[in-house]
Amino acid sequence: MKIFSSKSSRNLNKDNVGARHKAGKKKKKPLFYVLLVSVAAVCAFFIIVGVRDLLAIHFEDAAARSEYDQLRTIFFNPDDQGGGTSGAPPTDDSADAYDEPDGDEDDYDDEPPPQQRLSMDKLAEINSDLVGWISIENHIEYPVVRGRNNDKYMYTTFSGERNNAGAIFMDYRNQGGFDDTVAIIFGHRTRNRTMFSSLNNYLNQSFLRDNPIITITTLDGDDLTYRIFTAKLTDAWDNAYTAAFTNPSRASSNFPNLPSGASRFLLLSTCTPSADRDERVIVYAALEE
């Protein structure tokens, strides 16, 4: 027995198709909604990447700061770093450790090293590329290294750790070290204003007047005093970076505001906050002899 007529069946099928068509329409998302979700997903991705990078920068900066703080402790307090011989004259209790040598008076040259020599010895045990220590009071206190090229310490710290802070390093072409006519030292301008960041301040004449002295402690523990006479904004292709090695006798002839009578110079170089990756600041100093 037929319950539905053919007409009713056709109507029912038509209704079912219509219902399915309406259901399909409901599932389709508006283009605006799809775009909104896509934009949100992209934003979320970049936020996650940004947070990750910020955390990486934070931990990297913290690691570099901790390392160089420890190196300063060694430089200023070498006797507290695992023992060692003090630079002070022996006391009565330790007199036996320094028996009077036999022979000529020249034998007396074999004395306990002064504190700064002891400091440099201890730092050299950590890194044999050490060539000195640079100090600008209240602003810069770092060991100076010299690698086999100028790339080695761009992103490697004094102790050999990979870090964007890098190290303070001498141009590898300065094989004579601080005895060269012009010694060039590089350092980064970092995000946390460490390393050579403060060199940018020397473009301000009042800062230069208030902070003119650079002290270099050599491997022998001797202090060299340099007086800053000018600073300039330039680029990575400045002739000052090459003249010292291509024509040493005239290396300083084009230095701005060159003081009379000076024969040995120190150039400090760093980058700037500019978007121009080739922009540099050079600080010029002359050795006070």
C-alpha atoms as a PDB file:
ATOM      1  CA  MET A   1       0.000   0.000   0.000  1.00  0.00           C
ATOM      2  CA  LYS A   2       1.361   3.449  -0.976  1.00  0.00           C
ATOM      3  CA  ILE A   3       1.578   5.878   1.823  1.00  0.00           C
ATOM      4  CA  PHE A   4       2.863   8.795  -0.249  1.00  0.00           C
ATOM      5  CA  SER A   5       1.846   9.779  -3.661  1.00  0.00           C
ATOM      6  CA  SER A   6       4.524  10.407  -6.273  1.00  0.00           C
ATOM      7  CA  LYS A   7       3.743  14.092  -6.044  1.00  0.00           C
ATOM      8  CA  SER A   8       4.240  14.003  -2.304  1.00  0.00           C
ATOM      9  CA  SER A   9       7.526  12.163  -2.783  1.00  0.00           C
ATOM     10  CA  ARG A  10       8.736  14.763  -5.221  1.00  0.00           C
ATOM     11  CA  ASN A  11       7.784  17.518  -2.803  1.00  0.00           C
ATOM     12  CA  LEU A  12       9.524  15.692   0.060  1.00  0.00           C
ATOM     13  CA  ASN A  13      12.714  15.215  -1.971  1.00  0.00           C
ATOM     14  CA  LYS A  14      12.591  18.841  -2.991  1.00  0.00           C
ATOM     15  CA  ASP A  15      12.240  19.855   0.652  1.00  0.00           C
ATOM     16  CA  ASN A  16      15.172  17.613   1.625  1.00  0.00           C
ATOM     17  CA  VAL A  17      17.404  19.105  -1.090  1.00  0.00           C
ATOM     18  CA  GLY A  18      16.402  22.581   0.047  1.00  0.00           C
ATOM     19  CA  ALA A  19      17.176  21.736   3.648  1.00  0.00           C
ATOM     20  CA  ARG A  20      20.564  20.360   2.706  1.00  0.00           C
ATOM     21  CA  HIS A  21      21.257  23.419   0.600  1.00  0.00           C
ATOM     22  CA  LYS A  22      20.357  25.694   3.506  1.00  0.00           C
ATOM     23  CA  ALA A  23      22.518  23.611   5.857  1.00  0.00           C
ATOM     24  CA  GLY A  24      25.432  23.929   3.441  1.00  0.00           C
ATOM     25  CA  LYS A  25      24.986  27.662   3.330  1.00  0.00           C
ATOM     26  CA  LYS A  26      25.142  27.870   7.107  1.00  0.00           C
ATOM     27  CA  LYS A  27      28.502  26.011   7.216  1.00  0.00           C
ATOM     28  CA  LYS A  28      30.213  28.364   4.773  1.00  0.00           C
ATOM     29  CA  LYS A  29      32.147  31.089   6.659  1.00  0.00           C
ATOM     30  CA  PRO A  30      32.066  34.693   5.498  1.00  0.00           C
ATOM     31  CA  LEU A  31      35.270  35.928   3.821  1.00  0.00           C
ATOM     32  CA  PHE A  32      35.703  38.577   6.512  1.00  0.00           C
ATOM     33  CA  TYR A  33      35.691  35.884   9.201  1.00  0.00           C
ATOM     34  CA  VAL A  34      38.340  33.838   7.365  1.00  0.00           C
ATOM     35  CA  LEU A  35      40.541  36.893   6.956  1.00  0.00           C
ATOM     36  CA  LEU A  36      40.133  37.803  10.616  1.00  0.00           C
ATOM     37  CA  VAL A  37      41.178  34.337  11.761  1.00  0.00           C
ATOM     38  CA  SER A  38      44.145  34.367   9.371  1.00  0.00           C
ATOM     39  CA  VAL A  39      45.331  37.755  10.605  1.00  0.00           C
ATOM     40  CA  ALA A  40      44.948  36.636  14.218  1.00  0.00           C
ATOM     41  CA  ALA A  41      46.975  33.497  13.516  1.00  0.00           C
ATOM     42  CA  VAL A  42      49.754  35.480  11.847  1.00  0.00           C
ATOM     43  CA  CYS A  43      49.804  37.997  14.718  1.00  0.00           C
ATOM     44  CA  ALA A  44      49.945  35.173  17.261  1.00  0.00           C
ATOM     45  CA  PHE A  45      52.862  33.628  15.373  1.00  0.00           C
ATOM     46  CA  PHE A  46      54.860  36.855  15.375  1.00  0.00           C
ATOM     47  CA  ILE A  47      54.055  37.506  19.031  1.00  0.00           C
ATOM     48  CA  ILE A  48      55.346  34.051  19.949  1.00  0.00           C
ATOM     49  CA  VAL A  49      58.486  34.531  17.853  1.00  0.00           C
ATOM     50  CA  GLY A  50      58.979  38.013  19.320  1.00  0.00           C
ATOM     51  CA  VAL A  51      58.633  36.784  22.895  1.00  0.00           C
ATOM     52  CA  ARG A  52      61.035  33.943  22.143  1.00  0.00           C
ATOM     53  CA  ASP A  53      63.590  36.361  20.673  1.00  0.00           C
ATOM     54  CA  LEU A  54      63.220  38.769  23.597  1.00  0.00           C
ATOM     55  CA  LEU A  55      63.828  35.943  26.038  1.00  0.00           C
ATOM     56  CA  ALA A  56      66.857  34.826  24.035  1.00  0.00           C
ATOM     57  CA  ILE A  57      68.228  38.383  24.025  1.00  0.00           C
ATOM     58  CA  HIS A  58      67.608  38.699  27.769  1.00  0.00           C
ATOM     59  CA  PHE A  59      69.436  35.474  28.608  1.00  0.00           C
ATOM     60  CA  GLU A  60      72.244  36.250  26.143  1.00  0.00           C
ATOM     61  CA  ASP A  61      72.770  39.714  27.618  1.00  0.00           C
ATOM     62  CA  ALA A  62      72.663  38.291  31.120  1.00  0.00           C
ATOM     63  CA  ALA A  63      75.248  35.646  30.219  1.00  0.00           C
ATOM     64  CA  ALA A  64      77.622  38.222  28.708  1.00  0.00           C
ATOM     65  CA  ARG A  65      77.198  40.587  31.655  1.00  0.00           C
ATOM     66  CA  SER A  66      77.891  37.787  34.122  1.00  0.00           C
ATOM     67  CA  GLU A  67      81.026  36.700  32.264  1.00  0.00           C
ATOM     68  CA  TYR A  68      82.525  40.177  32.081  1.00  0.00           C
ATOM     69  CA  ASP A  69      81.613  40.922  35.695  1.00  0.00           C
ATOM     70  CA  GLN A  70      83.618  37.841  36.663  1.00  0.00           C
ATOM     71  CA  LEU A  71      86.564  38.970  34.528  1.00  0.00           C
ATOM     72  CA  ARG A  72      86.498  42.376  36.243  1.00  0.00           C
ATOM     73  CA  THR A  73      86.651  40.595  39.582  1.00  0.00           C
ATOM     74  CA  ILE A  74      89.773  38.773  38.414  1.00  0.00           C
ATOM     75  CA  PHE A  75      91.348  41.978  37.107  1.00  0.00           C
ATOM     76  CA  PHE A  76      90.709  44.047  40.221  1.00  0.00           C
ATOM     77  CA  ASN A  77      91.094  41.274  42.812  1.00  0.00           C
ATOM     78  CA  PRO A  78      93.403  38.595  41.379  1.00  0.00           C
ATOM     79  CA  ASP A  79      94.373  37.304  44.826  1.00  0.00           C
ATOM     80  CA  ASP A  80      90.781  36.236  45.492  1.00  0.00           C
ATOM     81  CA  GLN A  81      90.651  34.019  42.390  1.00  0.00           C
ATOM     82  CA  GLY A  82      91.886  30.651  43.536  1.00  0.00           C
ATOM     83  CA  GLY A  83      94.919  31.821  45.489  1.00  0.00           C
ATOM     84  CA  GLY A  84      98.155  32.935  43.864  1.00  0.00           C
ATOM     85  CA  THR A  85     101.020  35.149  44.871  1.00  0.00           C
ATOM     86  CA  SER A  86     100.173  38.597  46.110  1.00  0.00           C
ATOM     87  CA  GLY A  87     101.879  41.636  44.684  1.00  0.00           C
ATOM     88  CA  ALA A  88     102.477  42.978  48.199  1.00  0.00           C
ATOM     89  CA  PRO A  89     105.914  42.600  49.837  1.00  0.00           C
ATOM     90  CA  PRO A  90     106.209  39.442  51.965  1.00  0.00           C
ATOM     91  CA  THR A  91     105.416  39.673  55.662  1.00  0.00           C
ATOM     92  CA  ASP A  92     107.544  38.168  58.409  1.00  0.00           C
ATOM     93  CA  ASP A  93     105.383  35.057  58.391  1.00  0.00           C
ATOM     94  CA  SER A  94     106.098  34.436  54.732  1.00  0.00           C
ATOM     95  CA  ALA A  95     109.728  35.512  54.635  1.00  0.00           C
ATOM     96  CA  ASP A  96     110.953  31.942  54.186  1.00  0.00           C
ATOM     97  CA  ALA A  97     109.096  31.767  50.899  1.00  0.00           C
ATOM     98  CA  TYR A  98     111.344  34.521  49.505  1.00  0.00           C
ATOM     99  CA  ASP A  99     114.863  33.581  50.479  1.00  0.00           C
ATOM    100  CA  GLU A 100     117.486  36.104  49.502  1.00  0.00           C
ATOM    101  CA  PRO A 101     118.909  34.978  46.148  1.00  0.00           C
ATOM    102  CA  ASP A 102     122.586  34.243  45.698  1.00  0.00           C
ATOM    103  CA  GLY A 103     124.779  36.053  43.212  1.00  0.00           C
ATOM    104  CA  ASP A 104     124.596  39.493  41.602  1.00  0.00           C
ATOM    105  CA  GLU A 105     122.084  42.207  42.398  1.00  0.00           C
ATOM    106  CA  ASP A 106     120.416  41.493  39.029  1.00  0.00           C
ATOM    107  CA  ASP A 107     118.950  38.384  40.638  1.00  0.00           C
ATOM    108  CA  TYR A 108     116.703  40.657  42.682  1.00  0.00           C
ATOM    109  CA  ASP A 109     114.681  41.325  39.553  1.00  0.00           C
ATOM    110  CA  ASP A 110     112.937  38.027  40.161  1.00  0.00           C
ATOM    111  CA  GLU A 111     110.274  39.493  42.450  1.00  0.00           C
ATOM    112  CA  PRO A 112     106.618  38.708  43.036  1.00  0.00           C
ATOM    113  CA  PRO A 113     104.603  40.328  40.223  1.00  0.00           C
ATOM    114  CA  PRO A 114     102.588  43.472  40.946  1.00  0.00           C
ATOM    115  CA  GLN A 115      98.824  43.103  41.168  1.00  0.00           C
ATOM    116  CA  GLN A 116      98.192  44.197  37.587  1.00  0.00           C
ATOM    117  CA  ARG A 117     100.753  41.759  36.208  1.00  0.00           C
ATOM    118  CA  LEU A 118      99.179  39.024  38.302  1.00  0.00           C
ATOM    119  CA  SER A 119      95.767  40.032  36.964  1.00  0.00           C
ATOM    120  CA  MET A 120      96.928  39.820  33.361  1.00  0.00           C
ATOM    121  CA  ASP A 121      98.565  36.451  33.989  1.00  0.00           C
ATOM    122  CA  LYS A 122      95.347  35.043  35.373  1.00  0.00           C
ATOM    123  CA  LEU A 123      93.295  36.426  32.479  1.00  0.00           C
ATOM    124  CA  ALA A 124      95.804  35.056  29.963  1.00  0.00           C
ATOM    125  CA  GLU A 125      95.265  31.601  31.460  1.00  0.00           C
ATOM    126  CA  ILE A 126      91.631  31.895  30.370  1.00  0.00           C
ATOM    127  CA  ASN A 127      92.423  33.240  26.896  1.00  0.00           C
ATOM    128  CA  SER A 128      95.904  33.406  25.363  1.00  0.00           C
ATOM    129  CA  ASP A 129      94.660  35.987  22.813  1.00  0.00           C
ATOM    130  CA  LEU A 130      94.704  38.609  25.587  1.00  0.00           C
ATOM    131  CA  VAL A 131      96.679  41.752  24.684  1.00  0.00           C
ATOM    132  CA  GLY A 132      95.607  44.133  27.451  1.00  0.00           C
ATOM    133  CA  TRP A 133      92.842  45.687  29.502  1.00  0.00           C
ATOM    134  CA  ILE A 134      91.004  48.894  28.566  1.00  0.00           C
ATOM    135  CA  SER A 135      89.576  51.310  31.152  1.00  0.00           C
ATOM    136  CA  ILE A 136      87.526  54.478  30.798  1.00  0.00           C
ATOM    137  CA  GLU A 137      86.498  55.380  34.324  1.00  0.00           C
ATOM    138  CA  ASN A 138      82.816  54.739  35.089  1.00  0.00           C
ATOM    139  CA  HIS A 139      82.130  53.595  31.521  1.00  0.00           C
ATOM    140  CA  ILE A 140      84.370  50.844  30.132  1.00  0.00           C
ATOM    141  CA  GLU A 141      86.281  48.033  31.870  1.00  0.00           C
ATOM    142  CA  TYR A 142      87.100  45.085  29.582  1.00  0.00           C
ATOM    143  CA  PRO A 143      89.888  42.744  28.543  1.00  0.00           C
ATOM    144  CA  VAL A 144      91.177  43.287  24.999  1.00  0.00           C
ATOM    145  CA  VAL A 145      91.930  40.335  22.732  1.00  0.00           C
ATOM    146  CA  ARG A 146      93.415  39.955  19.260  1.00  0.00           C
ATOM    147  CA  GLY A 147      92.316  37.082  17.041  1.00  0.00           C
ATOM    148  CA  ARG A 148      93.645  35.611  13.826  1.00  0.00           C
ATOM    149  CA  ASN A 149      91.141  37.818  11.971  1.00  0.00           C
ATOM    150  CA  ASN A 150      88.570  40.487  12.805  1.00  0.00           C
ATOM    151  CA  ASP A 151      85.662  38.040  12.643  1.00  0.00           C
ATOM    152  CA  LYS A 152      86.615  35.738  15.501  1.00  0.00           C
ATOM    153  CA  TYR A 153      85.500  37.967  18.374  1.00  0.00           C
ATOM    154  CA  MET A 154      82.582  39.689  16.664  1.00  0.00           C
ATOM    155  CA  TYR A 155      80.192  37.171  18.219  1.00  0.00           C
ATOM    156  CA  THR A 156      82.436  35.255  20.613  1.00  0.00           C
ATOM    157  CA  THR A 157      83.080  36.387  24.174  1.00  0.00           C
ATOM    158  CA  PHE A 158      86.453  36.487  25.913  1.00  0.00           C
ATOM    159  CA  SER A 159      85.978  32.980  27.304  1.00  0.00           C
ATOM    160  CA  GLY A 160      84.928  31.574  23.913  1.00  0.00           C
ATOM    161  CA  GLU A 161      81.147  31.521  24.312  1.00  0.00           C
ATOM    162  CA  ARG A 162      78.938  32.253  21.314  1.00  0.00           C
ATOM    163  CA  ASN A 163      77.192  35.534  22.110  1.00  0.00           C
ATOM    164  CA  ASN A 164      76.170  38.592  20.084  1.00  0.00           C
ATOM    165  CA  ALA A 165      77.935  40.824  22.628  1.00  0.00           C
ATOM    166  CA  GLY A 166      81.254  39.472  21.379  1.00  0.00           C
ATOM    167  CA  ALA A 167      84.472  40.804  22.896  1.00  0.00           C
ATOM    168  CA  ILE A 168      86.538  43.969  22.822  1.00  0.00           C
ATOM    169  CA  PHE A 169      89.208  43.158  20.227  1.00  0.00           C
ATOM    170  CA  MET A 170      92.247  44.693  18.593  1.00  0.00           C
ATOM    171  CA  ASP A 171      92.603  44.695  14.810  1.00  0.00           C
ATOM    172  CA  TYR A 172      94.416  41.477  13.892  1.00  0.00           C
ATOM    173  CA  ARG A 173      96.852  43.522  11.755  1.00  0.00           C
ATOM    174  CA  ASN A 174      98.190  45.213  14.910  1.00  0.00           C
ATOM    175  CA  GLN A 175     100.845  42.563  15.397  1.00  0.00           C
ATOM    176  CA  GLY A 176     102.941  45.051  17.351  1.00  0.00           C
ATOM    177  CA  GLY A 177     100.054  45.614  19.738  1.00  0.00           C
ATOM    178  CA  PHE A 178     100.134  48.929  21.561  1.00  0.00           C
ATOM    179  CA  ASP A 179     103.656  49.603  20.281  1.00  0.00           C
ATOM    180  CA  ASP A 180     102.261  50.211  16.790  1.00  0.00           C
ATOM    181  CA  THR A 181     101.884  53.806  15.596  1.00  0.00           C
ATOM    182  CA  VAL A 182      98.110  53.322  15.538  1.00  0.00           C
ATOM    183  CA  ALA A 183      96.338  50.580  17.508  1.00  0.00           C
ATOM    184  CA  ILE A 184      92.711  49.997  16.549  1.00  0.00           C
ATOM    185  CA  ILE A 185      90.202  48.434  18.962  1.00  0.00           C
ATOM    186  CA  PHE A 186      86.650  47.401  18.086  1.00  0.00           C
ATOM    187  CA  GLY A 187      83.597  46.667  20.218  1.00  0.00           C
ATOM    188  CA  HIS A 188      79.841  46.350  19.774  1.00  0.00           C
ATOM    189  CA  ARG A 189      77.167  48.868  20.688  1.00  0.00           C
ATOM    190  CA  THR A 190      74.893  46.460  22.535  1.00  0.00           C
ATOM    191  CA  ARG A 191      71.192  46.449  23.326  1.00  0.00           C
ATOM    192  CA  ASN A 192      71.864  46.772  27.051  1.00  0.00           C
ATOM    193  CA  ARG A 193      74.380  49.617  26.570  1.00  0.00           C
ATOM    194  CA  THR A 194      77.445  47.621  27.546  1.00  0.00           C
ATOM    195  CA  MET A 195      80.709  46.915  25.679  1.00  0.00           C
ATOM    196  CA  PHE A 196      81.566  50.007  23.529  1.00  0.00           C
ATOM    197  CA  SER A 197      78.070  51.556  23.579  1.00  0.00           C
ATOM    198  CA  SER A 198      79.263  54.611  25.510  1.00  0.00           C
ATOM    199  CA  LEU A 199      81.600  55.622  22.665  1.00  0.00           C
ATOM    200  CA  ASN A 200      78.597  57.174  20.921  1.00  0.00           C
ATOM    201  CA  ASN A 201      78.517  59.725  23.759  1.00  0.00           C
ATOM    202  CA  TYR A 202      81.864  61.140  22.605  1.00  0.00           C
ATOM    203  CA  LEU A 203      80.087  62.860  19.730  1.00  0.00           C
ATOM    204  CA  ASN A 204      78.919  65.206  22.504  1.00  0.00           C
ATOM    205  CA  GLN A 205      81.734  67.647  23.294  1.00  0.00           C
ATOM    206  CA  SER A 206      80.781  67.994  26.952  1.00  0.00           C
ATOM    207  CA  PHE A 207      81.037  64.221  27.443  1.00  0.00           C
ATOM    208  CA  LEU A 208      84.446  64.242  25.762  1.00  0.00           C
ATOM    209  CA  ARG A 209      85.676  67.025  28.047  1.00  0.00           C
ATOM    210  CA  ASP A 210      84.486  65.135  31.131  1.00  0.00           C
ATOM    211  CA  ASN A 211      85.870  61.730  30.090  1.00  0.00           C
ATOM    212  CA  PRO A 212      89.105  62.273  28.140  1.00  0.00           C
ATOM    213  CA  ILE A 213      91.330  59.529  29.555  1.00  0.00           C
ATOM    214  CA  ILE A 214      91.737  55.939  28.341  1.00  0.00           C
ATOM    215  CA  THR A 215      94.007  53.642  30.331  1.00  0.00           C
ATOM    216  CA  ILE A 216      95.468  50.521  28.757  1.00  0.00           C
ATOM    217  CA  THR A 217      97.027  47.910  31.029  1.00  0.00           C
ATOM    218  CA  THR A 218      99.516  45.828  29.044  1.00  0.00           C
ATOM    219  CA  LEU A 219     100.378  42.161  29.498  1.00  0.00           C
ATOM    220  CA  ASP A 220     103.369  43.256  31.591  1.00  0.00           C
ATOM    221  CA  GLY A 221     101.079  45.127  33.972  1.00  0.00           C
ATOM    222  CA  ASP A 222     102.186  48.553  32.795  1.00  0.00           C
ATOM    223  CA  ASP A 223      99.683  51.385  32.327  1.00  0.00           C
ATOM    224  CA  LEU A 224      99.532  53.422  29.121  1.00  0.00           C
ATOM    225  CA  THR A 225      97.581  56.667  29.315  1.00  0.00           C
ATOM    226  CA  TYR A 226      95.836  57.967  26.199  1.00  0.00           C
ATOM    227  CA  ARG A 227      94.016  61.297  25.948  1.00  0.00           C
ATOM    228  CA  ILE A 228      91.004  61.496  23.628  1.00  0.00           C
ATOM    229  CA  PHE A 229      91.273  64.492  21.312  1.00  0.00           C
ATOM    230  CA  THR A 230      88.265  64.010  19.032  1.00  0.00           C
ATOM    231  CA  ALA A 231      85.504  61.684  17.844  1.00  0.00           C
ATOM    232  CA  LYS A 232      83.638  61.549  14.571  1.00  0.00           C
ATOM    233  CA  LEU A 233      80.689  59.923  12.857  1.00  0.00           C
ATOM    234  CA  THR A 234      81.786  57.981   9.798  1.00  0.00           C
ATOM    235  CA  ASP A 235      81.300  54.635   8.041  1.00  0.00           C
ATOM    236  CA  ALA A 236      82.933  51.228   7.935  1.00  0.00           C
ATOM    237  CA  TRP A 237      85.052  52.240   4.932  1.00  0.00           C
ATOM    238  CA  ASP A 238      86.829  55.169   6.589  1.00  0.00           C
ATOM    239  CA  ASN A 239      90.498  55.469   5.612  1.00  0.00           C
ATOM    240  CA  ALA A 240      91.459  55.473   9.301  1.00  0.00           C
ATOM    241  CA  TYR A 241      90.884  51.712   9.413  1.00  0.00           C
ATOM    242  CA  THR A 242      93.481  50.968   6.748  1.00  0.00           C
ATOM    243  CA  ALA A 243      96.016  53.820   6.766  1.00  0.00           C
ATOM    244  CA  ALA A 244      97.651  52.483   9.904  1.00  0.00           C
ATOM    245  CA  PHE A 245      98.723  49.370   8.018  1.00  0.00           C
ATOM    246  CA  THR A 246      99.189  50.571   4.430  1.00  0.00           C
ATOM    247  CA  ASN A 247     101.294  53.623   5.311  1.00  0.00           C
ATOM    248  CA  PRO A 248     102.259  53.630   9.014  1.00  0.00           C
ATOM    249  CA  SER A 249     104.559  56.653   8.693  1.00  0.00           C
ATOM    250  CA  ARG A 250     101.617  58.806   7.569  1.00  0.00           C
ATOM    251  CA  ALA A 251      98.853  56.946   9.410  1.00  0.00           C
ATOM    252  CA  SER A 252      97.888  59.938  11.529  1.00  0.00           C
ATOM    253  CA  SER A 253      98.326  62.677   8.919  1.00  0.00           C
ATOM    254  CA  ASN A 254      94.593  62.919   8.246  1.00  0.00           C
ATOM    255  CA  PHE A 255      93.403  62.600  11.844  1.00  0.00           C
ATOM    256  CA  PRO A 256      91.053  65.461  12.782  1.00  0.00           C
ATOM    257  CA  ASN A 257      92.300  67.910  15.452  1.00  0.00           C
ATOM    258  CA  LEU A 258      95.636  66.098  15.635  1.00  0.00           C
ATOM    259  CA  PRO A 259      97.600  67.226  18.720  1.00  0.00           C
ATOM    260  CA  SER A 260     101.164  68.339  18.074  1.00  0.00           C
ATOM    261  CA  GLY A 261     103.995  66.137  19.256  1.00  0.00           C
ATOM    262  CA  ALA A 262     101.962  62.911  19.498  1.00  0.00           C
ATOM    263  CA  SER A 263     103.543  59.822  17.936  1.00  0.00           C
ATOM    264  CA  ARG A 264     101.354  56.892  19.007  1.00  0.00           C
ATOM    265  CA  PHE A 265      97.596  56.685  18.780  1.00  0.00           C
ATOM    266  CA  LEU A 266      94.609  54.618  19.781  1.00  0.00           C
ATOM    267  CA  LEU A 267      91.413  54.397  17.719  1.00  0.00           C
ATOM    268  CA  LEU A 268      88.257  52.992  19.304  1.00  0.00           C
ATOM    269  CA  SER A 269      85.437  52.025  16.959  1.00  0.00           C
ATOM    270  CA  THR A 270      81.811  50.968  17.369  1.00  0.00           C
ATOM    271  CA  CYS A 271      78.536  51.054  15.457  1.00  0.00           C
ATOM    272  CA  THR A 272      75.648  53.481  16.039  1.00  0.00           C
ATOM    273  CA  PRO A 273      71.896  53.200  16.738  1.00  0.00           C
ATOM    274  CA  SER A 274      71.257  54.175  13.106  1.00  0.00           C
ATOM    275  CA  ALA A 275      69.431  51.865  10.705  1.00  0.00           C
ATOM    276  CA  ASP A 276      72.494  52.236   8.479  1.00  0.00           C
ATOM    277  CA  ARG A 277      74.493  49.143   9.372  1.00  0.00           C
ATOM    278  CA  ASP A 278      77.695  50.679   7.997  1.00  0.00           C
ATOM    279  CA  GLU A 279      77.628  53.788  10.191  1.00  0.00           C
ATOM    280  CA  ARG A 280      80.426  53.998  12.768  1.00  0.00           C
ATOM    281  CA  VAL A 281      81.805  56.188  15.542  1.00  0.00           C
ATOM    282  CA  ILE A 282      85.572  56.518  15.836  1.00  0.00           C
ATOM    283  CA  VAL A 283      87.178  57.892  18.982  1.00  0.00           C
ATOM    284  CA  TYR A 284      90.747  59.180  18.531  1.00  0.00           C
ATOM    285  CA  ALA A 285      93.249  59.250  21.388  1.00  0.00           C
ATOM    286  CA  ALA A 286      96.965  60.069  21.636  1.00  0.00           C
ATOM    287  CA  LEU A 287      99.451  58.424  23.985  1.00  0.00           C
ATOM    288  CA  GLU A 288     100.712  60.742  26.711  1.00  0.00           C
ATOM    289  CA  GLU A 289     104.468  60.105  26.751  1.00  0.00           C
END
